[in-house]
Structure formats: C-alpha cells, structure tokens
Amino acid sequence: MQSQSERRRYFRVTDLVGLNYRVLSDGERNLAMASKPASLNSLLATMEDEITVILHSIKQKNAELHRLMELFNEKINLAFGHGMASHGIENANAMRACQVSISACGIAFPAAQETGLGKTLGLDLTLYPSNIRLQLLATVISCERSDFDGVEEPYIIRADFESLGDNDQELLVQHVIKRQAQQLKDQRQH
C-alpha cells in the first residue's frame, strides 16, 4: 500500500472513464501478483511515446498530415480501448462509463455492493479520450454509503493501486495532468 505522503504527490481529478471491476479471491490475487510479465500496456505505452515524438516532428512540417496520423492513432487506440483487439467484443460490453476520482496511486468510484476493507480488486480501466486500457490491481481502503438515496450504486469504493508498473503509472500521471489541464481550460472559458 502507498504511504500517505506518497499518495499526496499526485494530482487527483474527477473524470469519466470506462470501468469494470471484480473482487479477487486470495488465490487469484496471489496469482496476479506472481505473474507480472511485460504487459501489452507496457508495450503499447512505449509505442505511444514514440508515436508522440514523431507526430510532434510532423506537426512542425505539415499540419494536415499530422492531424491525419493523429486520427489514425486515436482510431487504433479506440479499437484497443473497447476490447476488440484482445478481449473480444462481448467483454467490452461489460465495461461501463463511470465518473471516478483518480490519481496515479488510486481511484474512488461508485459501486452497487459494499466491498470489505483490504479486499483486492481486479480493475479494467479505459482512459478517455485516448482509450488507453489498463488492467490494474487495487486494494480497498474504504467503502462507504454515498449521500444520495435511491441511486443504483449507493456505495463509494476507494482503493489504492497495487504493484503498479512504471509504464502504467506514467500513463496515469500523463492522463491526470492532461485532464486537469483540460478542466482548467474549460473553467477559464466559462
């Protein structure tokens, strides 16, 4: 688990993401912790970094070509983000758009059922608008009833990410910073 001072190093934003989660058994948790090979997300993140550098170079020379390449990249990310590339379309349907509070070290989100403290969650998370898909482990640090009566998801689960790889954490940091910048820009325009 992250220390209190480490958690405060990261910005937190309220954001709309794709989310699917489930509580893992102790056996599933141990298996997930033991098998941490280089993930598809790590490989995709490395490619995305290279694409970003090249796109920046192209932008200086040809704005239309830059936009076209950027759209192709977003289209590919969208296909991966909705699970068509590796998980089949039927699994993508289980993911729901959800308003969350997220940082590079944790997440809070609404839930239909109460979840016990210390339970490990398997999270399938899609970050919008990039449609980057992350599969993460998180430990429940809080589960409280929300203040809203009559809602379908009356609980708020707060969880710390566990065994987060450097690439996944960097993707989260970049996403949160971009979303925070966009939200500040939107506030200034209104």
C-alpha atoms as a PDB file:
ATOM      1  CA  MET A   1       0.000   0.000   0.000  1.00  0.00           C
ATOM      2  CA  GLN A   2       1.122   3.571  -0.706  1.00  0.00           C
ATOM      3  CA  SER A   3       2.135   5.747   2.223  1.00  0.00           C
ATOM      4  CA  GLN A   4       0.069   8.855   2.990  1.00  0.00           C
ATOM      5  CA  SER A   5       2.891  11.182   1.868  1.00  0.00           C
ATOM      6  CA  GLU A   6       3.373   9.252  -1.396  1.00  0.00           C
ATOM      7  CA  ARG A   7      -0.345   9.459  -2.202  1.00  0.00           C
ATOM      8  CA  ARG A   8      -0.261  13.234  -1.882  1.00  0.00           C
ATOM      9  CA  ARG A   9       2.496  13.543  -4.516  1.00  0.00           C
ATOM     10  CA  TYR A  10      -0.038  13.006  -7.294  1.00  0.00           C
ATOM     11  CA  PHE A  11      -2.839  15.172  -8.613  1.00  0.00           C
ATOM     12  CA  ARG A  12      -6.356  13.810  -8.422  1.00  0.00           C
ATOM     13  CA  VAL A  13      -9.141  14.595 -10.905  1.00  0.00           C
ATOM     14  CA  THR A  14     -12.776  13.717 -11.302  1.00  0.00           C
ATOM     15  CA  ASP A  15     -13.114  12.102 -14.699  1.00  0.00           C
ATOM     16  CA  LEU A  16     -15.292   9.891 -16.873  1.00  0.00           C
ATOM     17  CA  VAL A  17     -13.599   6.547 -17.579  1.00  0.00           C
ATOM     18  CA  GLY A  18     -14.579   3.081 -18.742  1.00  0.00           C
ATOM     19  CA  LEU A  19     -14.623   0.787 -15.710  1.00  0.00           C
ATOM     20  CA  ASN A  20     -15.178  -2.861 -14.981  1.00  0.00           C
ATOM     21  CA  TYR A  21     -14.074  -4.413 -11.690  1.00  0.00           C
ATOM     22  CA  ARG A  22     -14.405  -7.541  -9.636  1.00  0.00           C
ATOM     23  CA  VAL A  23     -13.287  -8.657  -6.200  1.00  0.00           C
ATOM     24  CA  LEU A  24     -10.477 -11.221  -6.449  1.00  0.00           C
ATOM     25  CA  SER A  25     -10.187 -14.284  -4.248  1.00  0.00           C
ATOM     26  CA  ASP A  26      -6.935 -14.722  -2.287  1.00  0.00           C
ATOM     27  CA  GLY A  27      -5.782 -17.322  -4.824  1.00  0.00           C
ATOM     28  CA  GLU A  28      -6.497 -15.009  -7.768  1.00  0.00           C
ATOM     29  CA  ARG A  29      -4.696 -12.175  -6.003  1.00  0.00           C
ATOM     30  CA  ASN A  30      -1.599 -14.289  -5.361  1.00  0.00           C
ATOM     31  CA  LEU A  31      -1.564 -15.497  -8.954  1.00  0.00           C
ATOM     32  CA  ALA A  32      -1.951 -11.965 -10.312  1.00  0.00           C
ATOM     33  CA  MET A  33       0.846 -10.658  -8.072  1.00  0.00           C
ATOM     34  CA  ALA A  34       3.191 -13.502  -9.085  1.00  0.00           C
ATOM     35  CA  SER A  35       2.687 -13.113 -12.835  1.00  0.00           C
ATOM     36  CA  LYS A  36       3.827  -9.624 -13.708  1.00  0.00           C
ATOM     37  CA  PRO A  37       5.374 -10.077 -17.158  1.00  0.00           C
ATOM     38  CA  ALA A  38       5.784  -7.143 -19.525  1.00  0.00           C
ATOM     39  CA  SER A  39       2.186  -6.320 -20.239  1.00  0.00           C
ATOM     40  CA  LEU A  40       0.582  -5.381 -23.501  1.00  0.00           C
ATOM     41  CA  ASN A  41       0.003  -1.989 -21.887  1.00  0.00           C
ATOM     42  CA  SER A  42       3.746  -1.542 -21.362  1.00  0.00           C
ATOM     43  CA  LEU A  43       4.490  -2.340 -24.989  1.00  0.00           C
ATOM     44  CA  LEU A  44       1.691  -0.072 -26.191  1.00  0.00           C
ATOM     45  CA  ALA A  45       2.906   2.737 -23.911  1.00  0.00           C
ATOM     46  CA  THR A  46       6.406   2.502 -25.406  1.00  0.00           C
ATOM     47  CA  MET A  47       4.942   2.674 -28.908  1.00  0.00           C
ATOM     48  CA  GLU A  48       2.677   5.566 -27.935  1.00  0.00           C
ATOM     49  CA  ASP A  49       5.697   7.513 -26.657  1.00  0.00           C
ATOM     50  CA  GLU A  50       7.490   7.018 -29.976  1.00  0.00           C
ATOM     51  CA  ILE A  51       4.375   7.988 -31.927  1.00  0.00           C
ATOM     52  CA  THR A  52       4.019  11.177 -29.872  1.00  0.00           C
ATOM     53  CA  VAL A  53       7.605  12.228 -30.633  1.00  0.00           C
ATOM     54  CA  ILE A  54       7.216  11.558 -34.359  1.00  0.00           C
ATOM     55  CA  LEU A  55       3.823  13.279 -34.513  1.00  0.00           C
ATOM     56  CA  HIS A  56       5.322  16.374 -32.884  1.00  0.00           C
ATOM     57  CA  SER A  57       8.028  16.422 -35.545  1.00  0.00           C
ATOM     58  CA  ILE A  58       5.459  16.015 -38.349  1.00  0.00           C
ATOM     59  CA  LYS A  59       3.287  18.809 -36.900  1.00  0.00           C
ATOM     60  CA  GLN A  60       6.098  21.299 -37.473  1.00  0.00           C
ATOM     61  CA  LYS A  61       6.263  20.382 -41.171  1.00  0.00           C
ATOM     62  CA  ASN A  62       2.706  19.514 -42.233  1.00  0.00           C
ATOM     63  CA  ALA A  63      -0.337  20.224 -40.028  1.00  0.00           C
ATOM     64  CA  GLU A  64      -2.765  18.213 -42.197  1.00  0.00           C
ATOM     65  CA  LEU A  65      -0.562  15.111 -42.261  1.00  0.00           C
ATOM     66  CA  HIS A  66      -0.087  15.482 -38.504  1.00  0.00           C
ATOM     67  CA  ARG A  67      -3.865  15.564 -37.925  1.00  0.00           C
ATOM     68  CA  LEU A  68      -4.413  12.568 -40.214  1.00  0.00           C
ATOM     69  CA  MET A  69      -1.792  10.492 -38.380  1.00  0.00           C
ATOM     70  CA  GLU A  70      -3.183  11.611 -35.027  1.00  0.00           C
ATOM     71  CA  LEU A  71      -6.664  10.446 -36.087  1.00  0.00           C
ATOM     72  CA  PHE A  72      -5.326   7.049 -37.192  1.00  0.00           C
ATOM     73  CA  ASN A  73      -3.565   6.655 -33.846  1.00  0.00           C
ATOM     74  CA  GLU A  74      -6.753   7.580 -31.956  1.00  0.00           C
ATOM     75  CA  LYS A  75      -8.742   5.117 -34.066  1.00  0.00           C
ATOM     76  CA  ILE A  76      -6.352   2.290 -33.202  1.00  0.00           C
ATOM     77  CA  ASN A  77      -6.406   3.273 -29.520  1.00  0.00           C
ATOM     78  CA  LEU A  78     -10.195   3.301 -29.628  1.00  0.00           C
ATOM     79  CA  ALA A  79     -10.262  -0.250 -31.027  1.00  0.00           C
ATOM     80  CA  PHE A  80      -7.951  -1.471 -28.243  1.00  0.00           C
ATOM     81  CA  GLY A  81      -9.830   0.526 -25.617  1.00  0.00           C
ATOM     82  CA  HIS A  82     -13.107  -1.152 -26.473  1.00  0.00           C
ATOM     83  CA  GLY A  83     -11.599  -4.604 -26.302  1.00  0.00           C
ATOM     84  CA  MET A  84     -11.970  -5.568 -29.954  1.00  0.00           C
ATOM     85  CA  ALA A  85      -8.295  -6.302 -30.381  1.00  0.00           C
ATOM     86  CA  SER A  86      -7.591  -8.590 -27.468  1.00  0.00           C
ATOM     87  CA  HIS A  87     -10.671  -9.288 -25.365  1.00  0.00           C
ATOM     88  CA  GLY A  88     -13.496  -9.788 -27.801  1.00  0.00           C
ATOM     89  CA  ILE A  89     -16.453  -7.512 -28.240  1.00  0.00           C
ATOM     90  CA  GLU A  90     -18.574  -9.304 -25.643  1.00  0.00           C
ATOM     91  CA  ASN A  91     -16.195  -8.299 -22.797  1.00  0.00           C
ATOM     92  CA  ALA A  92     -16.213  -4.673 -23.908  1.00  0.00           C
ATOM     93  CA  ASN A  93     -19.962  -4.624 -23.206  1.00  0.00           C
ATOM     94  CA  ALA A  94     -19.279  -5.334 -19.512  1.00  0.00           C
ATOM     95  CA  MET A  95     -17.365  -2.066 -19.229  1.00  0.00           C
ATOM     96  CA  ARG A  96     -19.430   0.933 -18.208  1.00  0.00           C
ATOM     97  CA  ALA A  97     -18.778   4.649 -18.388  1.00  0.00           C
ATOM     98  CA  CYS A  98     -18.304   5.834 -14.832  1.00  0.00           C
ATOM     99  CA  GLN A  99     -17.486   9.115 -13.068  1.00  0.00           C
ATOM    100  CA  VAL A 100     -14.456   8.472 -10.830  1.00  0.00           C
ATOM    101  CA  SER A 101     -11.893  10.331  -8.776  1.00  0.00           C
ATOM    102  CA  ILE A 102      -8.491   9.162  -9.992  1.00  0.00           C
ATOM    103  CA  SER A 103      -4.796   9.771  -9.444  1.00  0.00           C
ATOM    104  CA  ALA A 104      -1.630   7.863 -10.273  1.00  0.00           C
ATOM    105  CA  CYS A 105      -1.899   5.950  -6.994  1.00  0.00           C
ATOM    106  CA  GLY A 106      -5.597   5.282  -6.502  1.00  0.00           C
ATOM    107  CA  ILE A 107      -9.221   5.547  -7.509  1.00  0.00           C
ATOM    108  CA  ALA A 108     -12.652   6.173  -5.995  1.00  0.00           C
ATOM    109  CA  PHE A 109     -15.814   5.071  -7.797  1.00  0.00           C
ATOM    110  CA  PRO A 110     -19.492   4.282  -7.195  1.00  0.00           C
ATOM    111  CA  ALA A 111     -20.485   0.647  -6.676  1.00  0.00           C
ATOM    112  CA  ALA A 112     -23.699  -1.328  -6.334  1.00  0.00           C
ATOM    113  CA  GLN A 113     -22.438  -3.525  -3.496  1.00  0.00           C
ATOM    114  CA  GLU A 114     -20.403  -2.972  -0.377  1.00  0.00           C
ATOM    115  CA  THR A 115     -16.832  -4.325  -0.527  1.00  0.00           C
ATOM    116  CA  GLY A 116     -14.734  -5.226   2.511  1.00  0.00           C
ATOM    117  CA  LEU A 117     -11.622  -3.331   3.539  1.00  0.00           C
ATOM    118  CA  GLY A 118      -8.392  -4.931   2.370  1.00  0.00           C
ATOM    119  CA  LYS A 119     -10.063  -6.815  -0.496  1.00  0.00           C
ATOM    120  CA  THR A 120      -8.155  -6.867  -3.785  1.00  0.00           C
ATOM    121  CA  LEU A 121      -9.927  -5.645  -6.905  1.00  0.00           C
ATOM    122  CA  GLY A 122      -9.115  -6.501 -10.484  1.00  0.00           C
ATOM    123  CA  LEU A 123      -9.778  -3.269 -12.406  1.00  0.00           C
ATOM    124  CA  ASP A 124     -10.230  -2.968 -16.143  1.00  0.00           C
ATOM    125  CA  LEU A 125      -9.946   0.749 -16.832  1.00  0.00           C
ATOM    126  CA  THR A 126     -10.231   2.696 -20.097  1.00  0.00           C
ATOM    127  CA  LEU A 127      -8.970   6.278 -20.054  1.00  0.00           C
ATOM    128  CA  TYR A 128     -10.842   8.699 -22.329  1.00  0.00           C
ATOM    129  CA  PRO A 129     -10.327  10.278 -24.825  1.00  0.00           C
ATOM    130  CA  SER A 130      -7.115   8.332 -25.563  1.00  0.00           C
ATOM    131  CA  ASN A 131      -8.908   4.995 -24.972  1.00  0.00           C
ATOM    132  CA  ILE A 132      -5.831   3.570 -23.284  1.00  0.00           C
ATOM    133  CA  ARG A 133      -6.850   0.404 -21.481  1.00  0.00           C
ATOM    134  CA  LEU A 134      -5.217  -0.579 -18.194  1.00  0.00           C
ATOM    135  CA  GLN A 135      -5.663  -3.748 -16.188  1.00  0.00           C
ATOM    136  CA  LEU A 136      -4.708  -2.996 -12.605  1.00  0.00           C
ATOM    137  CA  LEU A 137      -4.883  -4.422  -9.108  1.00  0.00           C
ATOM    138  CA  ALA A 138      -6.121  -2.266  -6.244  1.00  0.00           C
ATOM    139  CA  THR A 139      -6.681  -2.715  -2.510  1.00  0.00           C
ATOM    140  CA  VAL A 140      -9.895  -1.372  -0.981  1.00  0.00           C
ATOM    141  CA  ILE A 141      -9.081   1.224   1.681  1.00  0.00           C
ATOM    142  CA  SER A 142     -12.629   2.499   2.183  1.00  0.00           C
ATOM    143  CA  CYS A 143     -16.178   1.574   1.238  1.00  0.00           C
ATOM    144  CA  GLU A 144     -18.891   3.951   2.419  1.00  0.00           C
ATOM    145  CA  ARG A 145     -22.533   4.514   1.685  1.00  0.00           C
ATOM    146  CA  SER A 146     -22.968   7.606  -0.506  1.00  0.00           C
ATOM    147  CA  ASP A 147     -25.093  10.594   0.475  1.00  0.00           C
ATOM    148  CA  PHE A 148     -27.516  10.017  -2.398  1.00  0.00           C
ATOM    149  CA  ASP A 149     -30.632   7.977  -1.663  1.00  0.00           C
ATOM    150  CA  GLY A 150     -32.263   5.806  -4.302  1.00  0.00           C
ATOM    151  CA  VAL A 151     -29.251   5.523  -6.637  1.00  0.00           C
ATOM    152  CA  GLU A 152     -28.319   2.240  -8.325  1.00  0.00           C
ATOM    153  CA  GLU A 153     -24.795   2.402  -6.901  1.00  0.00           C
ATOM    154  CA  PRO A 154     -25.139   3.561  -3.289  1.00  0.00           C
ATOM    155  CA  TYR A 155     -21.526   2.838  -2.229  1.00  0.00           C
ATOM    156  CA  ILE A 156     -18.269   4.674  -2.868  1.00  0.00           C
ATOM    157  CA  ILE A 157     -15.213   2.408  -3.037  1.00  0.00           C
ATOM    158  CA  ARG A 158     -11.783   3.959  -2.530  1.00  0.00           C
ATOM    159  CA  ALA A 159      -8.803   1.822  -3.487  1.00  0.00           C
ATOM    160  CA  ASP A 160      -5.014   2.145  -3.757  1.00  0.00           C
ATOM    161  CA  PHE A 161      -3.346   0.710  -6.847  1.00  0.00           C
ATOM    162  CA  GLU A 162      -1.102  -2.273  -6.095  1.00  0.00           C
ATOM    163  CA  SER A 163       2.132  -3.351  -7.805  1.00  0.00           C
ATOM    164  CA  LEU A 164       1.731  -0.638 -10.407  1.00  0.00           C
ATOM    165  CA  GLY A 165       4.344  -0.905 -13.153  1.00  0.00           C
ATOM    166  CA  ASP A 166       6.312   2.197 -14.123  1.00  0.00           C
ATOM    167  CA  ASN A 167       4.673   2.425 -17.555  1.00  0.00           C
ATOM    168  CA  ASP A 168       1.154   2.094 -16.174  1.00  0.00           C
ATOM    169  CA  GLN A 169       1.882   4.700 -13.503  1.00  0.00           C
ATOM    170  CA  GLU A 170       3.347   7.055 -16.125  1.00  0.00           C
ATOM    171  CA  LEU A 171       0.216   6.610 -18.268  1.00  0.00           C
ATOM    172  CA  LEU A 172      -1.930   7.512 -15.260  1.00  0.00           C
ATOM    173  CA  VAL A 173       0.222  10.547 -14.411  1.00  0.00           C
ATOM    174  CA  GLN A 174       0.052  11.807 -18.008  1.00  0.00           C
ATOM    175  CA  HIS A 175      -3.698  11.213 -18.184  1.00  0.00           C
ATOM    176  CA  VAL A 176      -4.424  13.022 -14.914  1.00  0.00           C
ATOM    177  CA  ILE A 177      -2.259  16.006 -15.899  1.00  0.00           C
ATOM    178  CA  LYS A 178      -3.947  16.258 -19.327  1.00  0.00           C
ATOM    179  CA  ARG A 179      -7.425  16.004 -17.817  1.00  0.00           C
ATOM    180  CA  GLN A 180      -6.596  18.586 -15.146  1.00  0.00           C
ATOM    181  CA  ALA A 181      -5.253  20.980 -17.795  1.00  0.00           C
ATOM    182  CA  GLN A 182      -8.397  20.459 -19.912  1.00  0.00           C
ATOM    183  CA  GLN A 183     -10.689  21.027 -16.939  1.00  0.00           C
ATOM    184  CA  LEU A 184      -8.841  24.247 -16.006  1.00  0.00           C
ATOM    185  CA  LYS A 185      -9.068  25.431 -19.626  1.00  0.00           C
ATOM    186  CA  ASP A 186     -12.811  24.673 -19.697  1.00  0.00           C
ATOM    187  CA  GLN A 187     -13.309  26.619 -16.434  1.00  0.00           C
ATOM    188  CA  ARG A 188     -11.453  29.648 -17.811  1.00  0.00           C
ATOM    189  CA  GLN A 189     -13.582  29.615 -20.980  1.00  0.00           C
ATOM    190  CA  HIS A 190     -16.818  29.595 -18.965  1.00  0.00           C
END
